[in-house]
């Protein structure tokens, strides 16, 4: 079961660990808004399963960030560690 649990992570928890927003409740609200996409598929579920390699479209304030998930998080760490969980995808390089 341990290896199965590591194969995916809840969307809201990953967003919080990757420091996209300040608290997990805000991450859940963002997911519930229906504006996020995982691999180009809209989602409104904070509990959506996120896996390494997935492409996330994240609307934040006045800009939209598109990132590829590089790793799942064991816990929320410092900002330097959080940036290792994903890579920004340059505009026009979508998958």
PDB file of N, CA and C in Angstrom:
ATOM      1  N   UNK A   1       0.823  -1.200   0.000  1.00  0.00           N
ATOM      2  CA  UNK A   1       0.000   0.000   0.000  1.00  0.00           C
ATOM      3  C   UNK A   1       0.861   1.255   0.000  1.00  0.00           C
ATOM      4  N   UNK A   2       2.033   1.215   0.646  1.00  0.00           N
ATOM      5  CA  UNK A   2       2.921   2.370   0.669  1.00  0.00           C
ATOM      6  C   UNK A   2       3.300   2.816  -0.732  1.00  0.00           C
ATOM      7  N   UNK A   3       3.697   1.867  -1.587  1.00  0.00           N
ATOM      8  CA  UNK A   3       4.102   2.244  -2.942  1.00  0.00           C
ATOM      9  C   UNK A   3       2.919   2.777  -3.738  1.00  0.00           C
ATOM     10  N   UNK A   4       1.710   2.263  -3.464  1.00  0.00           N
ATOM     11  CA  UNK A   4       0.523   2.766  -4.159  1.00  0.00           C
ATOM     12  C   UNK A   4       0.232   4.202  -3.734  1.00  0.00           C
ATOM     13  N   UNK A   5       0.403   4.498  -2.449  1.00  0.00           N
ATOM     14  CA  UNK A   5       0.158   5.847  -1.959  1.00  0.00           C
ATOM     15  C   UNK A   5       1.159   6.837  -2.542  1.00  0.00           C
ATOM     16  N   UNK A   6       2.338   6.405  -2.829  1.00  0.00           N
ATOM     17  CA  UNK A   6       3.360   7.300  -3.379  1.00  0.00           C
ATOM     18  C   UNK A   6       3.193   7.514  -4.875  1.00  0.00           C
ATOM     19  N   UNK A   7       2.354   6.734  -5.527  1.00  0.00           N
ATOM     20  CA  UNK A   7       2.166   6.859  -6.966  1.00  0.00           C
ATOM     21  C   UNK A   7       1.323   8.086  -7.321  1.00  0.00           C
ATOM     22  N   UNK A   8       0.578   8.621  -6.360  1.00  0.00           N
ATOM     23  CA  UNK A   8      -0.241   9.809  -6.609  1.00  0.00           C
ATOM     24  C   UNK A   8      -0.387  10.609  -5.325  1.00  0.00           C
ATOM     25  N   UNK A   9      -0.872  11.846  -5.484  1.00  0.00           N
ATOM     26  CA  UNK A   9      -1.090  12.719  -4.339  1.00  0.00           C
ATOM     27  C   UNK A   9      -2.305  13.592  -4.618  1.00  0.00           C
ATOM     28  N   UNK A  10      -3.033  13.943  -3.587  1.00  0.00           N
ATOM     29  CA  UNK A  10      -4.183  14.834  -3.747  1.00  0.00           C
ATOM     30  C   UNK A  10      -3.720  16.167  -4.344  1.00  0.00           C
ATOM     31  N   UNK A  11      -4.511  16.685  -5.258  1.00  0.00           N
ATOM     32  CA  UNK A  11      -4.196  17.948  -5.916  1.00  0.00           C
ATOM     33  C   UNK A  11      -4.019  19.081  -4.911  1.00  0.00           C
ATOM     34  N   UNK A  12      -4.955  19.245  -3.977  1.00  0.00           N
ATOM     35  CA  UNK A  12      -4.861  20.360  -3.030  1.00  0.00           C
ATOM     36  C   UNK A  12      -3.622  20.255  -2.140  1.00  0.00           C
ATOM     37  N   UNK A  13      -3.277  19.051  -1.725  1.00  0.00           N
ATOM     38  CA  UNK A  13      -2.093  18.884  -0.883  1.00  0.00           C
ATOM     39  C   UNK A  13      -0.817  19.192  -1.672  1.00  0.00           C
ATOM     40  N   UNK A  14      -0.744  18.737  -2.924  1.00  0.00           N
ATOM     41  CA  UNK A  14       0.439  18.999  -3.732  1.00  0.00           C
ATOM     42  C   UNK A  14       0.602  20.499  -3.969  1.00  0.00           C
ATOM     43  N   UNK A  15      -0.495  21.192  -4.300  1.00  0.00           N
ATOM     44  CA  UNK A  15      -0.426  22.644  -4.512  1.00  0.00           C
ATOM     45  C   UNK A  15       0.087  23.364  -3.266  1.00  0.00           C
ATOM     46  N   UNK A  16      -0.364  22.913  -2.100  1.00  0.00           N
ATOM     47  CA  UNK A  16       0.061  23.518  -0.847  1.00  0.00           C
ATOM     48  C   UNK A  16       1.539  23.237  -0.602  1.00  0.00           C
ATOM     49  N   UNK A  17       1.960  21.994  -0.789  1.00  0.00           N
ATOM     50  CA  UNK A  17       3.367  21.639  -0.582  1.00  0.00           C
ATOM     51  C   UNK A  17       4.285  22.348  -1.576  1.00  0.00           C
ATOM     52  N   UNK A  18       3.781  22.583  -2.790  1.00  0.00           N
ATOM     53  CA  UNK A  18       4.567  23.271  -3.815  1.00  0.00           C
ATOM     54  C   UNK A  18       4.499  24.791  -3.648  1.00  0.00           C
ATOM     55  N   UNK A  19       3.778  25.240  -2.628  1.00  0.00           N
ATOM     56  CA  UNK A  19       3.692  26.654  -2.246  1.00  0.00           C
ATOM     57  C   UNK A  19       3.065  27.553  -3.317  1.00  0.00           C
ATOM     58  N   UNK A  20       2.034  27.036  -3.980  1.00  0.00           N
ATOM     59  CA  UNK A  20       1.304  27.875  -4.921  1.00  0.00           C
ATOM     60  C   UNK A  20       0.416  28.859  -4.175  1.00  0.00           C
ATOM     61  N   UNK A  21      -0.093  28.459  -3.008  1.00  0.00           N
ATOM     62  CA  UNK A  21      -0.910  29.331  -2.160  1.00  0.00           C
ATOM     63  C   UNK A  21      -0.473  29.143  -0.708  1.00  0.00           C
ATOM     64  N   UNK A  22      -0.905  30.049   0.169  1.00  0.00           N
ATOM     65  CA  UNK A  22      -0.424  30.062   1.547  1.00  0.00           C
ATOM     66  C   UNK A  22      -0.985  28.949   2.424  1.00  0.00           C
ATOM     67  N   UNK A  23      -2.228  28.511   2.169  1.00  0.00           N
ATOM     68  CA  UNK A  23      -2.775  27.455   3.021  1.00  0.00           C
ATOM     69  C   UNK A  23      -3.537  26.433   2.185  1.00  0.00           C
ATOM     70  N   UNK A  24      -3.736  25.271   2.782  1.00  0.00           N
ATOM     71  CA  UNK A  24      -4.337  24.166   2.051  1.00  0.00           C
ATOM     72  C   UNK A  24      -5.803  24.435   1.716  1.00  0.00           C
ATOM     73  N   UNK A  25      -6.508  25.156   2.583  1.00  0.00           N
ATOM     74  CA  UNK A  25      -7.906  25.486   2.310  1.00  0.00           C
ATOM     75  C   UNK A  25      -8.017  26.339   1.041  1.00  0.00           C
ATOM     76  N   UNK A  26      -7.103  27.264   0.851  1.00  0.00           N
ATOM     77  CA  UNK A  26      -7.103  28.088  -0.360  1.00  0.00           C
ATOM     78  C   UNK A  26      -6.812  27.226  -1.594  1.00  0.00           C
ATOM     79  N   UNK A  27      -5.942  26.246  -1.437  1.00  0.00           N
ATOM     80  CA  UNK A  27      -5.646  25.325  -2.548  1.00  0.00           C
ATOM     81  C   UNK A  27      -6.884  24.509  -2.907  1.00  0.00           C
ATOM     82  N   UNK A  28      -7.612  24.065  -1.891  1.00  0.00           N
ATOM     83  CA  UNK A  28      -8.850  23.309  -2.129  1.00  0.00           C
ATOM     84  C   UNK A  28      -9.884  24.185  -2.831  1.00  0.00           C
ATOM     85  N   UNK A  29     -10.015  25.448  -2.400  1.00  0.00           N
ATOM     86  CA  UNK A  29     -10.970  26.365  -3.051  1.00  0.00           C
ATOM     87  C   UNK A  29     -10.595  26.605  -4.504  1.00  0.00           C
ATOM     88  N   UNK A  30      -9.297  26.742  -4.784  1.00  0.00           N
ATOM     89  CA  UNK A  30      -8.845  26.932  -6.159  1.00  0.00           C
ATOM     90  C   UNK A  30      -9.236  25.720  -7.013  1.00  0.00           C
ATOM     91  N   UNK A  31      -9.014  24.531  -6.487  1.00  0.00           N
ATOM     92  CA  UNK A  31      -9.379  23.319  -7.227  1.00  0.00           C
ATOM     93  C   UNK A  31     -10.892  23.243  -7.429  1.00  0.00           C
ATOM     94  N   UNK A  32     -11.666  23.605  -6.412  1.00  0.00           N
ATOM     95  CA  UNK A  32     -13.126  23.562  -6.500  1.00  0.00           C
ATOM     96  C   UNK A  32     -13.689  24.586  -7.476  1.00  0.00           C
ATOM     97  N   UNK A  33     -12.922  25.597  -7.803  1.00  0.00           N
ATOM     98  CA  UNK A  33     -13.407  26.652  -8.703  1.00  0.00           C
ATOM     99  C   UNK A  33     -13.679  26.128 -10.114  1.00  0.00           C
ATOM    100  N   UNK A  34     -13.075  24.990 -10.466  1.00  0.00           N
ATOM    101  CA  UNK A  34     -13.275  24.434 -11.806  1.00  0.00           C
ATOM    102  C   UNK A  34     -12.396  25.071 -12.869  1.00  0.00           C
ATOM    103  N   UNK A  35     -11.490  25.949 -12.463  1.00  0.00           N
ATOM    104  CA  UNK A  35     -10.627  26.650 -13.424  1.00  0.00           C
ATOM    105  C   UNK A  35      -9.310  25.934 -13.671  1.00  0.00           C
ATOM    106  N   UNK A  36      -9.009  24.932 -12.855  1.00  0.00           N
ATOM    107  CA  UNK A  36      -7.743  24.198 -13.003  1.00  0.00           C
ATOM    108  C   UNK A  36      -7.895  23.069 -14.006  1.00  0.00           C
ATOM    109  N   UNK A  37      -6.762  22.695 -14.593  1.00  0.00           N
ATOM    110  CA  UNK A  37      -6.738  21.564 -15.513  1.00  0.00           C
ATOM    111  C   UNK A  37      -5.581  20.644 -15.166  1.00  0.00           C
ATOM    112  N   UNK A  38      -5.838  19.341 -15.294  1.00  0.00           N
ATOM    113  CA  UNK A  38      -4.789  18.333 -15.172  1.00  0.00           C
ATOM    114  C   UNK A  38      -4.733  17.630 -16.524  1.00  0.00           C
ATOM    115  N   UNK A  39      -3.597  17.728 -17.184  1.00  0.00           N
ATOM    116  CA  UNK A  39      -3.438  17.145 -18.520  1.00  0.00           C
ATOM    117  C   UNK A  39      -4.555  17.598 -19.458  1.00  0.00           C
ATOM    118  N   UNK A  40      -4.825  18.897 -19.429  1.00  0.00           N
ATOM    119  CA  UNK A  40      -5.826  19.561 -20.272  1.00  0.00           C
ATOM    120  C   UNK A  40      -7.273  19.227 -19.929  1.00  0.00           C
ATOM    121  N   UNK A  41      -7.488  18.425 -18.907  1.00  0.00           N
ATOM    122  CA  UNK A  41      -8.844  18.064 -18.496  1.00  0.00           C
ATOM    123  C   UNK A  41      -9.250  18.919 -17.296  1.00  0.00           C
ATOM    124  N   UNK A  42     -10.382  19.637 -17.400  1.00  0.00           N
ATOM    125  CA  UNK A  42     -10.814  20.460 -16.270  1.00  0.00           C
ATOM    126  C   UNK A  42     -11.118  19.586 -15.050  1.00  0.00           C
ATOM    127  N   UNK A  43     -10.854  20.131 -13.879  1.00  0.00           N
ATOM    128  CA  UNK A  43     -11.192  19.437 -12.638  1.00  0.00           C
ATOM    129  C   UNK A  43     -11.723  20.440 -11.630  1.00  0.00           C
ATOM    130  N   UNK A  44     -12.650  19.977 -10.811  1.00  0.00           N
ATOM    131  CA  UNK A  44     -13.150  20.797  -9.703  1.00  0.00           C
ATOM    132  C   UNK A  44     -13.068  20.007  -8.400  1.00  0.00           C
ATOM    133  N   UNK A  45     -12.130  19.058  -8.367  1.00  0.00           N
ATOM    134  CA  UNK A  45     -11.997  18.163  -7.219  1.00  0.00           C
ATOM    135  C   UNK A  45     -10.651  18.365  -6.514  1.00  0.00           C
ATOM    136  N   UNK A  46     -10.676  18.852  -5.277  1.00  0.00           N
ATOM    137  CA  UNK A  46      -9.434  18.975  -4.524  1.00  0.00           C
ATOM    138  C   UNK A  46      -8.751  17.620  -4.322  1.00  0.00           C
ATOM    139  N   UNK A  47      -9.541  16.546  -4.337  1.00  0.00           N
ATOM    140  CA  UNK A  47      -8.987  15.208  -4.122  1.00  0.00           C
ATOM    141  C   UNK A  47      -8.559  14.524  -5.419  1.00  0.00           C
ATOM    142  N   UNK A  48      -8.536  15.259  -6.533  1.00  0.00           N
ATOM    143  CA  UNK A  48      -8.095  14.676  -7.810  1.00  0.00           C
ATOM    144  C   UNK A  48      -6.695  14.095  -7.639  1.00  0.00           C
ATOM    145  N   UNK A  49      -6.445  12.959  -8.275  1.00  0.00           N
ATOM    146  CA  UNK A  49      -5.150  12.289  -8.157  1.00  0.00           C
ATOM    147  C   UNK A  49      -4.133  12.936  -9.087  1.00  0.00           C
ATOM    148  N   UNK A  50      -3.039  13.351  -8.527  1.00  0.00           N
ATOM    149  CA  UNK A  50      -1.960  13.983  -9.269  1.00  0.00           C
ATOM    150  C   UNK A  50      -0.767  13.038  -9.277  1.00  0.00           C
ATOM    151  N   UNK A  51      -0.177  12.839 -10.448  1.00  0.00           N
ATOM    152  CA  UNK A  51       0.949  11.916 -10.595  1.00  0.00           C
ATOM    153  C   UNK A  51       2.143  12.638 -11.208  1.00  0.00           C
ATOM    154  N   UNK A  52       3.322  12.088 -11.007  1.00  0.00           N
ATOM    155  CA  UNK A  52       4.525  12.630 -11.619  1.00  0.00           C
ATOM    156  C   UNK A  52       4.342  12.592 -13.135  1.00  0.00           C
ATOM    157  N   UNK A  53       4.682  13.693 -13.803  1.00  0.00           N
ATOM    158  CA  UNK A  53       4.540  13.800 -15.247  1.00  0.00           C
ATOM    159  C   UNK A  53       3.287  14.532 -15.674  1.00  0.00           C
ATOM    160  N   UNK A  54       2.317  14.689 -14.776  1.00  0.00           N
ATOM    161  CA  UNK A  54       1.094  15.412 -15.113  1.00  0.00           C
ATOM    162  C   UNK A  54       1.403  16.881 -15.394  1.00  0.00           C
ATOM    163  N   UNK A  55       0.610  17.461 -16.280  1.00  0.00           N
ATOM    164  CA  UNK A  55       0.721  18.885 -16.602  1.00  0.00           C
ATOM    165  C   UNK A  55      -0.445  19.604 -15.929  1.00  0.00           C
ATOM    166  N   UNK A  56      -0.130  20.617 -15.126  1.00  0.00           N
ATOM    167  CA  UNK A  56      -1.148  21.389 -14.419  1.00  0.00           C
ATOM    168  C   UNK A  56      -1.261  22.778 -15.010  1.00  0.00           C
ATOM    169  N   UNK A  57      -2.479  23.225 -15.204  1.00  0.00           N
ATOM    170  CA  UNK A  57      -2.749  24.604 -15.580  1.00  0.00           C
ATOM    171  C   UNK A  57      -3.369  25.249 -14.347  1.00  0.00           C
ATOM    172  N   UNK A  58      -2.675  26.240 -13.798  1.00  0.00           N
ATOM    173  CA  UNK A  58      -3.063  26.829 -12.515  1.00  0.00           C
ATOM    174  C   UNK A  58      -3.309  28.327 -12.699  1.00  0.00           C
ATOM    175  N   UNK A  59      -4.579  28.766 -12.586  1.00  0.00           N
ATOM    176  CA  UNK A  59      -4.866  30.206 -12.680  1.00  0.00           C
ATOM    177  C   UNK A  59      -4.601  30.883 -11.333  1.00  0.00           C
ATOM    178  N   UNK A  60      -3.665  31.803 -11.326  1.00  0.00           N
ATOM    179  CA  UNK A  60      -3.327  32.532 -10.107  1.00  0.00           C
ATOM    180  C   UNK A  60      -3.369  34.025 -10.377  1.00  0.00           C
ATOM    181  N   UNK A  61      -4.156  34.725  -9.616  1.00  0.00           N
ATOM    182  CA  UNK A  61      -4.284  36.180  -9.740  1.00  0.00           C
ATOM    183  C   UNK A  61      -4.459  36.599 -11.192  1.00  0.00           C
ATOM    184  N   UNK A  62      -3.463  37.297 -11.725  1.00  0.00           N
ATOM    185  CA  UNK A  62      -3.592  37.830 -13.078  1.00  0.00           C
ATOM    186  C   UNK A  62      -2.851  37.007 -14.119  1.00  0.00           C
ATOM    187  N   UNK A  63      -2.298  35.852 -13.731  1.00  0.00           N
ATOM    188  CA  UNK A  63      -1.598  35.046 -14.720  1.00  0.00           C
ATOM    189  C   UNK A  63      -1.931  33.570 -14.547  1.00  0.00           C
ATOM    190  N   UNK A  64      -1.668  32.821 -15.587  1.00  0.00           N
ATOM    191  CA  UNK A  64      -1.893  31.384 -15.560  1.00  0.00           C
ATOM    192  C   UNK A  64      -0.533  30.703 -15.648  1.00  0.00           C
ATOM    193  N   UNK A  65      -0.285  29.792 -14.727  1.00  0.00           N
ATOM    194  CA  UNK A  65       0.977  29.045 -14.744  1.00  0.00           C
ATOM    195  C   UNK A  65       0.701  27.636 -15.247  1.00  0.00           C
ATOM    196  N   UNK A  66       1.574  27.168 -16.119  1.00  0.00           N
ATOM    197  CA  UNK A  66       1.507  25.809 -16.621  1.00  0.00           C
ATOM    198  C   UNK A  66       2.782  25.116 -16.167  1.00  0.00           C
ATOM    199  N   UNK A  67       2.606  24.036 -15.399  1.00  0.00           N
ATOM    200  CA  UNK A  67       3.760  23.350 -14.822  1.00  0.00           C
ATOM    201  C   UNK A  67       3.654  21.843 -15.027  1.00  0.00           C
ATOM    202  N   UNK A  68       4.811  21.208 -15.078  1.00  0.00           N
ATOM    203  CA  UNK A  68       4.887  19.739 -15.133  1.00  0.00           C
ATOM    204  C   UNK A  68       5.305  19.256 -13.746  1.00  0.00           C
ATOM    205  N   UNK A  69       4.573  18.280 -13.219  1.00  0.00           N
ATOM    206  CA  UNK A  69       4.873  17.718 -11.906  1.00  0.00           C
ATOM    207  C   UNK A  69       6.114  16.836 -12.024  1.00  0.00           C
ATOM    208  N   UNK A  70       7.155  17.174 -11.273  1.00  0.00           N
ATOM    209  CA  UNK A  70       8.395  16.403 -11.281  1.00  0.00           C
ATOM    210  C   UNK A  70       8.475  15.420 -10.119  1.00  0.00           C
ATOM    211  N   UNK A  71       7.806  15.751  -9.025  1.00  0.00           N
ATOM    212  CA  UNK A  71       7.865  14.899  -7.833  1.00  0.00           C
ATOM    213  C   UNK A  71       6.638  15.140  -6.967  1.00  0.00           C
ATOM    214  N   UNK A  72       6.319  14.161  -6.155  1.00  0.00           N
ATOM    215  CA  UNK A  72       5.271  14.304  -5.159  1.00  0.00           C
ATOM    216  C   UNK A  72       5.930  14.727  -3.853  1.00  0.00           C
ATOM    217  N   UNK A  73       5.180  15.393  -3.006  1.00  0.00           N
ATOM    218  CA  UNK A  73       5.751  15.938  -1.774  1.00  0.00           C
ATOM    219  C   UNK A  73       5.442  15.049  -0.582  1.00  0.00           C
ATOM    220  N   UNK A  74       6.438  14.858   0.275  1.00  0.00           N
ATOM    221  CA  UNK A  74       6.195  14.152   1.531  1.00  0.00           C
ATOM    222  C   UNK A  74       5.626  15.108   2.564  1.00  0.00           C
ATOM    223  N   UNK A  75       6.070  16.375   2.497  1.00  0.00           N
ATOM    224  CA  UNK A  75       5.586  17.407   3.418  1.00  0.00           C
ATOM    225  C   UNK A  75       5.888  18.769   2.816  1.00  0.00           C
ATOM    226  N   UNK A  76       5.312  19.806   3.401  1.00  0.00           N
ATOM    227  CA  UNK A  76       5.577  21.168   2.944  1.00  0.00           C
ATOM    228  C   UNK A  76       6.912  21.611   3.528  1.00  0.00           C
ATOM    229  N   UNK A  77       7.809  21.999   2.653  1.00  0.00           N
ATOM    230  CA  UNK A  77       9.130  22.419   3.097  1.00  0.00           C
ATOM    231  C   UNK A  77       9.402  23.853   2.681  1.00  0.00           C
ATOM    232  N   UNK A  78      10.664  24.247   2.731  1.00  0.00           N
ATOM    233  CA  UNK A  78      11.031  25.606   2.342  1.00  0.00           C
ATOM    234  C   UNK A  78      10.800  25.842   0.849  1.00  0.00           C
ATOM    235  N   UNK A  79      10.750  27.103   0.468  1.00  0.00           N
ATOM    236  CA  UNK A  79      10.463  27.469  -0.923  1.00  0.00           C
ATOM    237  C   UNK A  79      11.442  26.831  -1.903  1.00  0.00           C
ATOM    238  N   UNK A  80      12.701  26.751  -1.540  1.00  0.00           N
ATOM    239  CA  UNK A  80      13.694  26.137  -2.423  1.00  0.00           C
ATOM    240  C   UNK A  80      13.386  24.679  -2.726  1.00  0.00           C
ATOM    241  N   UNK A  81      12.911  23.972  -1.732  1.00  0.00           N
ATOM    242  CA  UNK A  81      12.525  22.570  -1.918  1.00  0.00           C
ATOM    243  C   UNK A  81      11.246  22.475  -2.742  1.00  0.00           C
ATOM    244  N   UNK A  82      10.320  23.376  -2.503  1.00  0.00           N
ATOM    245  CA  UNK A  82       9.034  23.364  -3.210  1.00  0.00           C
ATOM    246  C   UNK A  82       9.216  23.519  -4.716  1.00  0.00           C
ATOM    247  N   UNK A  83      10.161  24.329  -5.144  1.00  0.00           N
ATOM    248  CA  UNK A  83      10.360  24.546  -6.580  1.00  0.00           C
ATOM    249  C   UNK A  83      10.929  23.317  -7.279  1.00  0.00           C
ATOM    250  N   UNK A  84      11.435  22.361  -6.515  1.00  0.00           N
ATOM    251  CA  UNK A  84      11.940  21.126  -7.104  1.00  0.00           C
ATOM    252  C   UNK A  84      10.816  20.142  -7.421  1.00  0.00           C
ATOM    253  N   UNK A  85       9.601  20.452  -7.001  1.00  0.00           N
ATOM    254  CA  UNK A  85       8.458  19.575  -7.257  1.00  0.00           C
ATOM    255  C   UNK A  85       7.888  19.740  -8.665  1.00  0.00           C
ATOM    256  N   UNK A  86       8.261  20.834  -9.343  1.00  0.00           N
ATOM    257  CA  UNK A  86       7.674  21.112 -10.659  1.00  0.00           C
ATOM    258  C   UNK A  86       8.640  21.900 -11.531  1.00  0.00           C
ATOM    259  N   UNK A  87       8.317  21.939 -12.818  1.00  0.00           N
ATOM    260  CA  UNK A  87       9.050  22.818 -13.734  1.00  0.00           C
ATOM    261  C   UNK A  87       8.029  23.622 -14.526  1.00  0.00           C
ATOM    262  N   UNK A  88       8.333  24.875 -14.719  1.00  0.00           N
ATOM    263  CA  UNK A  88       7.468  25.748 -15.514  1.00  0.00           C
ATOM    264  C   UNK A  88       7.581  25.329 -16.978  1.00  0.00           C
ATOM    265  N   UNK A  89       6.459  25.341 -17.659  1.00  0.00           N
ATOM    266  CA  UNK A  89       6.467  25.046 -19.093  1.00  0.00           C
ATOM    267  C   UNK A  89       6.286  26.364 -19.813  1.00  0.00           C
ATOM    268  N   UNK A  90       7.229  26.682 -20.675  1.00  0.00           N
ATOM    269  CA  UNK A  90       7.176  27.959 -21.401  1.00  0.00           C
ATOM    270  C   UNK A  90       5.931  28.010 -22.260  1.00  0.00           C
ATOM    271  N   UNK A  91       5.377  29.196 -22.414  1.00  0.00           N
ATOM    272  CA  UNK A  91       4.186  29.391 -23.221  1.00  0.00           C
ATOM    273  C   UNK A  91       4.434  28.872 -24.645  1.00  0.00           C
ATOM    274  N   UNK A  92       3.482  28.098 -25.146  1.00  0.00           N
ATOM    275  CA  UNK A  92       3.607  27.572 -26.492  1.00  0.00           C
ATOM    276  C   UNK A  92       4.265  26.212 -26.568  1.00  0.00           C
ATOM    277  N   UNK A  93       4.776  25.679 -25.432  1.00  0.00           N
ATOM    278  CA  UNK A  93       5.412  24.364 -25.404  1.00  0.00           C
ATOM    279  C   UNK A  93       4.518  23.314 -24.787  1.00  0.00           C
ATOM    280  N   UNK A  94       3.220  23.501 -24.816  1.00  0.00           N
ATOM    281  CA  UNK A  94       2.281  22.565 -24.182  1.00  0.00           C
ATOM    282  C   UNK A  94       2.438  21.148 -24.671  1.00  0.00           C
ATOM    283  N   UNK A  95       1.951  20.216 -23.851  1.00  0.00           N
ATOM    284  CA  UNK A  95       2.053  18.803 -24.197  1.00  0.00           C
ATOM    285  C   UNK A  95       0.695  18.261 -24.561  1.00  0.00           C
TER     286      UNK A  95
END
